[in-house]
Amino acid sequence: MIDKELLEILVCPVCKKPLELKDEGQSLKCGECRRVYPIRDNIPIMLVDEARIDPT
């Protein structure tokens, strides 16, 4: 699980909006551009090429 303090400072690298935990802590989602960034071994992968767009 990502530390709460880290989650508070992480922002989407594309639109700079805050991220929220999704998929039981397995990913981070931007509410603005809907990109979903994976979390692997408790490390957020904040690369645009690794993100997927969530249609909802």
PDB file of N, CA and C in Angstrom:
ATOM      1  N   MET A   1       0.849  -1.186   0.000  1.00  0.00           N
ATOM      2  CA  MET A   1       0.000   0.000   0.000  1.00  0.00           C
ATOM      3  C   MET A   1       0.889   1.242   0.000  1.00  0.00           C
ATOM      4  N   ILE A   2       0.468   2.233  -0.746  1.00  0.00           N
ATOM      5  CA  ILE A   2       1.229   3.480  -0.840  1.00  0.00           C
ATOM      6  C   ILE A   2       1.003   4.309   0.422  1.00  0.00           C
ATOM      7  N   ASP A   3       2.082   4.882   0.901  1.00  0.00           N
ATOM      8  CA  ASP A   3       2.030   5.739   2.071  1.00  0.00           C
ATOM      9  C   ASP A   3       1.113   6.939   1.811  1.00  0.00           C
ATOM     10  N   LYS A   4       0.310   7.286   2.806  1.00  0.00           N
ATOM     11  CA  LYS A   4      -0.656   8.372   2.649  1.00  0.00           C
ATOM     12  C   LYS A   4       0.033   9.698   2.334  1.00  0.00           C
ATOM     13  N   GLU A   5       1.190   9.959   2.943  1.00  0.00           N
ATOM     14  CA  GLU A   5       1.912  11.206   2.680  1.00  0.00           C
ATOM     15  C   GLU A   5       2.391  11.268   1.230  1.00  0.00           C
ATOM     16  N   LEU A   6       2.837  10.136   0.686  1.00  0.00           N
ATOM     17  CA  LEU A   6       3.258  10.093  -0.707  1.00  0.00           C
ATOM     18  C   LEU A   6       2.065  10.331  -1.628  1.00  0.00           C
ATOM     19  N   LEU A   7       0.950   9.714  -1.317  1.00  0.00           N
ATOM     20  CA  LEU A   7      -0.252   9.873  -2.130  1.00  0.00           C
ATOM     21  C   LEU A   7      -0.701  11.332  -2.182  1.00  0.00           C
ATOM     22  N   GLU A   8      -0.505  12.063  -1.096  1.00  0.00           N
ATOM     23  CA  GLU A   8      -0.917  13.467  -1.048  1.00  0.00           C
ATOM     24  C   GLU A   8      -0.083  14.355  -1.969  1.00  0.00           C
ATOM     25  N   ILE A   9       1.152  13.964  -2.276  1.00  0.00           N
ATOM     26  CA  ILE A   9       1.998  14.820  -3.121  1.00  0.00           C
ATOM     27  C   ILE A   9       2.066  14.356  -4.572  1.00  0.00           C
ATOM     28  N   LEU A  10       1.613  13.132  -4.853  1.00  0.00           N
ATOM     29  CA  LEU A  10       1.646  12.641  -6.233  1.00  0.00           C
ATOM     30  C   LEU A  10       0.567  13.324  -7.069  1.00  0.00           C
ATOM     31  N   VAL A  11       0.932  13.716  -8.278  1.00  0.00           N
ATOM     32  CA  VAL A  11      -0.017  14.293  -9.224  1.00  0.00           C
ATOM     33  C   VAL A  11       0.183  13.631 -10.582  1.00  0.00           C
ATOM     34  N   CYS A  12      -0.804  13.722 -11.412  1.00  0.00           N
ATOM     35  CA  CYS A  12      -0.730  13.185 -12.762  1.00  0.00           C
ATOM     36  C   CYS A  12       0.357  13.938 -13.535  1.00  0.00           C
ATOM     37  N   PRO A  13       1.276  13.220 -14.178  1.00  0.00           N
ATOM     38  CA  PRO A  13       2.327  13.907 -14.926  1.00  0.00           C
ATOM     39  C   PRO A  13       1.810  14.636 -16.177  1.00  0.00           C
ATOM     40  N   VAL A  14       0.610  14.339 -16.619  1.00  0.00           N
ATOM     41  CA  VAL A  14       0.058  14.985 -17.808  1.00  0.00           C
ATOM     42  C   VAL A  14      -0.660  16.284 -17.454  1.00  0.00           C
ATOM     43  N   CYS A  15      -1.627  16.203 -16.533  1.00  0.00           N
ATOM     44  CA  CYS A  15      -2.452  17.381 -16.248  1.00  0.00           C
ATOM     45  C   CYS A  15      -2.211  17.982 -14.860  1.00  0.00           C
ATOM     46  N   LYS A  16      -1.339  17.364 -14.073  1.00  0.00           N
ATOM     47  CA  LYS A  16      -0.929  17.878 -12.752  1.00  0.00           C
ATOM     48  C   LYS A  16      -2.055  17.910 -11.721  1.00  0.00           C
ATOM     49  N   LYS A  17      -3.062  17.064 -11.893  1.00  0.00           N
ATOM     50  CA  LYS A  17      -4.168  16.969 -10.934  1.00  0.00           C
ATOM     51  C   LYS A  17      -3.878  15.844  -9.932  1.00  0.00           C
ATOM     52  N   PRO A  18      -4.491  15.878  -8.738  1.00  0.00           N
ATOM     53  CA  PRO A  18      -4.270  14.832  -7.736  1.00  0.00           C
ATOM     54  C   PRO A  18      -4.733  13.458  -8.229  1.00  0.00           C
ATOM     55  N   LEU A  19      -4.132  12.432  -7.655  1.00  0.00           N
ATOM     56  CA  LEU A  19      -4.461  11.049  -8.001  1.00  0.00           C
ATOM     57  C   LEU A  19      -5.172  10.380  -6.834  1.00  0.00           C
ATOM     58  N   GLU A  20      -5.943   9.349  -7.144  1.00  0.00           N
ATOM     59  CA  GLU A  20      -6.620   8.584  -6.093  1.00  0.00           C
ATOM     60  C   GLU A  20      -6.361   7.105  -6.314  1.00  0.00           C
ATOM     61  N   LEU A  21      -6.326   6.375  -5.210  1.00  0.00           N
ATOM     62  CA  LEU A  21      -6.103   4.928  -5.279  1.00  0.00           C
ATOM     63  C   LEU A  21      -7.307   4.232  -5.883  1.00  0.00           C
ATOM     64  N   LYS A  22      -7.046   3.238  -6.727  1.00  0.00           N
ATOM     65  CA  LYS A  22      -8.092   2.429  -7.354  1.00  0.00           C
ATOM     66  C   LYS A  22      -7.670   0.964  -7.324  1.00  0.00           C
ATOM     67  N   ASP A  23      -8.583   0.093  -7.659  1.00  0.00           N
ATOM     68  CA  ASP A  23      -8.313  -1.346  -7.796  1.00  0.00           C
ATOM     69  C   ASP A  23      -7.636  -1.931  -6.558  1.00  0.00           C
ATOM     70  N   GLU A  24      -8.180  -1.589  -5.403  1.00  0.00           N
ATOM     71  CA  GLU A  24      -7.670  -2.101  -4.122  1.00  0.00           C
ATOM     72  C   GLU A  24      -6.187  -1.802  -3.933  1.00  0.00           C
ATOM     73  N   GLY A  25      -5.777  -0.596  -4.306  1.00  0.00           N
ATOM     74  CA  GLY A  25      -4.395  -0.171  -4.118  1.00  0.00           C
ATOM     75  C   GLY A  25      -3.436  -0.636  -5.194  1.00  0.00           C
ATOM     76  N   GLN A  26      -3.956  -1.129  -6.313  1.00  0.00           N
ATOM     77  CA  GLN A  26      -3.099  -1.619  -7.396  1.00  0.00           C
ATOM     78  C   GLN A  26      -2.835  -0.577  -8.477  1.00  0.00           C
ATOM     79  N   SER A  27      -3.491   0.576  -8.383  1.00  0.00           N
ATOM     80  CA  SER A  27      -3.295   1.614  -9.387  1.00  0.00           C
ATOM     81  C   SER A  27      -3.703   2.971  -8.828  1.00  0.00           C
ATOM     82  N   LEU A  28      -3.293   4.012  -9.544  1.00  0.00           N
ATOM     83  CA  LEU A  28      -3.642   5.387  -9.215  1.00  0.00           C
ATOM     84  C   LEU A  28      -4.372   5.982 -10.413  1.00  0.00           C
ATOM     85  N   LYS A  29      -5.470   6.669 -10.158  1.00  0.00           N
ATOM     86  CA  LYS A  29      -6.262   7.235 -11.254  1.00  0.00           C
ATOM     87  C   LYS A  29      -6.358   8.741 -11.114  1.00  0.00           C
ATOM     88  N   CYS A  30      -6.217   9.403 -12.254  1.00  0.00           N
ATOM     89  CA  CYS A  30      -6.412  10.847 -12.326  1.00  0.00           C
ATOM     90  C   CYS A  30      -7.886  11.104 -12.637  1.00  0.00           C
ATOM     91  N   GLY A  31      -8.536  11.909 -11.831  1.00  0.00           N
ATOM     92  CA  GLY A  31      -9.943  12.220 -12.047  1.00  0.00           C
ATOM     93  C   GLY A  31     -10.175  13.155 -13.212  1.00  0.00           C
ATOM     94  N   GLU A  32      -9.150  13.891 -13.617  1.00  0.00           N
ATOM     95  CA  GLU A  32      -9.280  14.864 -14.699  1.00  0.00           C
ATOM     96  C   GLU A  32      -9.142  14.209 -16.081  1.00  0.00           C
ATOM     97  N   CYS A  33      -8.015  13.568 -16.330  1.00  0.00           N
ATOM     98  CA  CYS A  33      -7.771  12.995 -17.670  1.00  0.00           C
ATOM     99  C   CYS A  33      -8.049  11.491 -17.729  1.00  0.00           C
ATOM    100  N   ARG A  34      -8.424  10.887 -16.597  1.00  0.00           N
ATOM    101  CA  ARG A  34      -8.827   9.480 -16.479  1.00  0.00           C
ATOM    102  C   ARG A  34      -7.692   8.489 -16.747  1.00  0.00           C
ATOM    103  N   ARG A  35      -6.437   8.942 -16.715  1.00  0.00           N
ATOM    104  CA  ARG A  35      -5.326   8.005 -16.871  1.00  0.00           C
ATOM    105  C   ARG A  35      -5.171   7.198 -15.593  1.00  0.00           C
ATOM    106  N   VAL A  36      -4.855   5.920 -15.760  1.00  0.00           N
ATOM    107  CA  VAL A  36      -4.661   5.021 -14.625  1.00  0.00           C
ATOM    108  C   VAL A  36      -3.221   4.523 -14.675  1.00  0.00           C
ATOM    109  N   TYR A  37      -2.481   4.815 -13.616  1.00  0.00           N
ATOM    110  CA  TYR A  37      -1.073   4.437 -13.520  1.00  0.00           C
ATOM    111  C   TYR A  37      -0.942   3.204 -12.622  1.00  0.00           C
ATOM    112  N   PRO A  38      -0.208   2.196 -13.072  1.00  0.00           N
ATOM    113  CA  PRO A  38      -0.075   0.981 -12.263  1.00  0.00           C
ATOM    114  C   PRO A  38       0.837   1.186 -11.054  1.00  0.00           C
ATOM    115  N   ILE A  39       0.629   0.352 -10.054  1.00  0.00           N
ATOM    116  CA  ILE A  39       1.522   0.295  -8.896  1.00  0.00           C
ATOM    117  C   ILE A  39       2.107  -1.106  -8.888  1.00  0.00           C
ATOM    118  N   ARG A  40       3.437  -1.192  -8.932  1.00  0.00           N
ATOM    119  CA  ARG A  40       4.122  -2.491  -8.924  1.00  0.00           C
ATOM    120  C   ARG A  40       5.087  -2.537  -7.751  1.00  0.00           C
ATOM    121  N   ASP A  41       4.965  -3.559  -6.928  1.00  0.00           N
ATOM    122  CA  ASP A  41       5.821  -3.703  -5.742  1.00  0.00           C
ATOM    123  C   ASP A  41       5.801  -2.440  -4.882  1.00  0.00           C
ATOM    124  N   ASN A  42       4.607  -1.872  -4.706  1.00  0.00           N
ATOM    125  CA  ASN A  42       4.382  -0.667  -3.905  1.00  0.00           C
ATOM    126  C   ASN A  42       5.063   0.571  -4.476  1.00  0.00           C
ATOM    127  N   ILE A  43       5.398   0.551  -5.764  1.00  0.00           N
ATOM    128  CA  ILE A  43       6.018   1.693  -6.423  1.00  0.00           C
ATOM    129  C   ILE A  43       5.102   2.169  -7.547  1.00  0.00           C
ATOM    130  N   PRO A  44       4.629   3.417  -7.484  1.00  0.00           N
ATOM    131  CA  PRO A  44       3.790   3.927  -8.566  1.00  0.00           C
ATOM    132  C   PRO A  44       4.618   4.148  -9.833  1.00  0.00           C
ATOM    133  N   ILE A  45       4.134   3.630 -10.932  1.00  0.00           N
ATOM    134  CA  ILE A  45       4.796   3.788 -12.219  1.00  0.00           C
ATOM    135  C   ILE A  45       4.141   4.984 -12.914  1.00  0.00           C
ATOM    136  N   MET A  46       4.780   6.135 -12.804  1.00  0.00           N
ATOM    137  CA  MET A  46       4.182   7.387 -13.253  1.00  0.00           C
ATOM    138  C   MET A  46       4.617   7.763 -14.669  1.00  0.00           C
ATOM    139  N   LEU A  47       4.782   6.783 -15.523  1.00  0.00           N
ATOM    140  CA  LEU A  47       5.150   7.011 -16.913  1.00  0.00           C
ATOM    141  C   LEU A  47       3.891   7.043 -17.774  1.00  0.00           C
ATOM    142  N   VAL A  48       3.784   8.037 -18.616  1.00  0.00           N
ATOM    143  CA  VAL A  48       2.603   8.180 -19.469  1.00  0.00           C
ATOM    144  C   VAL A  48       2.444   6.960 -20.373  1.00  0.00           C
ATOM    145  N   ASP A  49       3.553   6.402 -20.844  1.00  0.00           N
ATOM    146  CA  ASP A  49       3.499   5.216 -21.708  1.00  0.00           C
ATOM    147  C   ASP A  49       2.961   3.976 -20.994  1.00  0.00           C
ATOM    148  N   GLU A  50       3.049   3.940 -19.671  1.00  0.00           N
ATOM    149  CA  GLU A  50       2.563   2.808 -18.875  1.00  0.00           C
ATOM    150  C   GLU A  50       1.112   2.981 -18.468  1.00  0.00           C
ATOM    151  N   ALA A  51       0.585   4.171 -18.610  1.00  0.00           N
ATOM    152  CA  ALA A  51      -0.791   4.460 -18.171  1.00  0.00           C
ATOM    153  C   ALA A  51      -1.793   3.979 -19.212  1.00  0.00           C
ATOM    154  N   ARG A  52      -2.995   3.694 -18.727  1.00  0.00           N
ATOM    155  CA  ARG A  52      -4.099   3.377 -19.623  1.00  0.00           C
ATOM    156  C   ARG A  52      -5.199   4.400 -19.337  1.00  0.00           C
ATOM    157  N   ILE A  53      -6.067   4.594 -20.306  1.00  0.00           N
ATOM    158  CA  ILE A  53      -7.186   5.527 -20.138  1.00  0.00           C
ATOM    159  C   ILE A  53      -8.406   4.726 -19.692  1.00  0.00           C
ATOM    160  N   ASP A  54      -8.991   5.129 -18.571  1.00  0.00           N
ATOM    161  CA  ASP A  54     -10.193   4.477 -18.050  1.00  0.00           C
ATOM    162  C   ASP A  54     -11.412   5.156 -18.654  1.00  0.00           C
ATOM    163  N   PRO A  55     -12.263   4.401 -19.355  1.00  0.00           N
ATOM    164  CA  PRO A  55     -13.422   5.014 -20.012  1.00  0.00           C
ATOM    165  C   PRO A  55     -14.481   5.539 -19.055  1.00  0.00           C
ATOM    166  N   THR A  56     -14.451   5.138 -17.780  1.00  0.00           N
ATOM    167  CA  THR A  56     -15.482   5.604 -16.823  1.00  0.00           C
ATOM    168  C   THR A  56     -14.984   6.713 -15.953  1.00  0.00           C
TER     169      THR A  56
END
